[in-house]
Protein backbone atom coordinates (compact mmCIF):
# COMPACT_ATOMS: atom_id res chain seq x y z
CA MET A 1 21.85 12.89 -15.61
CA GLU A 2 18.46 13.75 -17.05
CA CYS A 3 14.91 13.00 -16.11
CA VAL A 4 13.06 10.96 -18.70
CA ARG A 5 9.31 11.35 -18.85
CA PRO A 6 7.29 9.00 -21.07
CA GLU A 7 5.04 10.58 -23.66
CA ARG A 8 1.36 10.55 -22.78
CA PRO A 9 -1.36 10.60 -25.37
CA ASP A 10 -3.38 13.81 -25.29
CA ASP A 11 -6.76 12.15 -25.81
CA GLY A 12 -8.54 14.00 -23.00
CA ALA A 13 -8.92 10.86 -20.86
CA ASP A 14 -8.93 11.25 -17.08
CA ARG A 15 -5.58 9.83 -15.92
CA ARG A 16 -5.60 10.38 -12.18
CA ALA A 17 -3.62 7.97 -10.03
CA PRO A 18 -5.58 5.11 -8.44
CA ARG A 19 -6.65 5.77 -4.86
CA LEU A 20 -6.79 3.55 -1.84
CA PRO A 21 -10.19 2.77 -0.38
CA ALA A 22 -11.36 4.61 2.72
CA SER A 23 -10.73 2.94 6.07
CA VAL A 24 -13.48 0.56 7.14
CA ARG A 25 -15.73 1.36 10.09
CA PHE A 26 -15.30 -1.98 11.85
CA PHE A 27 -11.77 -3.39 11.79
CA THR A 28 -11.27 -6.45 13.99
CA ASP A 29 -9.18 -9.61 14.38
CA ARG A 30 -6.06 -8.22 12.73
CA GLU A 31 -3.84 -7.63 15.76
CA GLY A 32 -1.30 -10.24 14.64
CA ALA A 33 -0.97 -8.82 11.15
CA MET A 34 -0.71 -5.28 12.52
CA LYS A 35 2.11 -6.36 14.88
CA LEU A 36 3.99 -7.97 11.98
CA LEU A 37 3.75 -4.76 9.95
CA ASP A 38 4.83 -2.69 12.96
CA ARG A 39 7.81 -4.97 13.54
CA GLU A 40 8.87 -4.82 9.89
CA ALA A 41 8.54 -1.01 9.79
CA GLY A 42 10.71 -0.71 12.91
CA ARG A 43 13.44 -3.05 11.69
CA LYS A 44 16.80 -1.50 10.75
CA ALA A 45 16.97 -1.09 6.97
CA ASP A 46 20.79 -1.34 6.59
CA GLY A 47 20.61 0.97 3.57
CA CYS A 48 18.32 -1.31 1.58
CA PRO A 49 14.68 -0.56 0.82
CA ARG A 50 12.09 -2.82 2.42
CA VAL A 51 8.76 -3.94 1.06
CA ALA A 52 5.98 -5.65 2.99
CA LEU A 53 3.61 -7.62 0.78
CA VAL A 54 0.07 -7.90 2.13
CA TYR A 55 -1.75 -10.60 0.20
CA GLY A 56 -4.84 -12.76 0.43
CA ASP A 57 -7.94 -13.88 -1.43
CA ASP A 58 -10.44 -11.36 -2.76
CA ALA A 59 -12.59 -9.72 -0.08
CA MET A 60 -10.29 -10.85 2.75
CA GLY A 61 -9.50 -7.30 3.85
CA THR A 62 -5.94 -6.91 2.58
CA SER A 63 -6.56 -3.35 1.37
CA ALA A 64 -8.38 -2.52 4.61
CA LEU A 65 -5.40 -3.82 6.59
CA ALA A 66 -2.94 -1.71 4.59
CA VAL A 67 -5.09 1.42 4.87
CA HIS A 68 -5.75 0.91 8.58
CA TRP A 69 -2.08 0.28 9.33
CA SER A 70 -0.89 3.28 7.30
């Protein structure tokens, strides 16, 4: 087995990984969503990876929820 690494252009561009936003100062009314994420994280995986998709309209706080929960 070998590790394959894609070629990257050496054009001097800044290619840092995207970062999550900082946690918000006031985080309210998300107890239900937090409980769902807690329950999913605590569920037995049975050898299979799990993914929790947090979705919603723009500016609904989906990133804030993910950052706060993490």
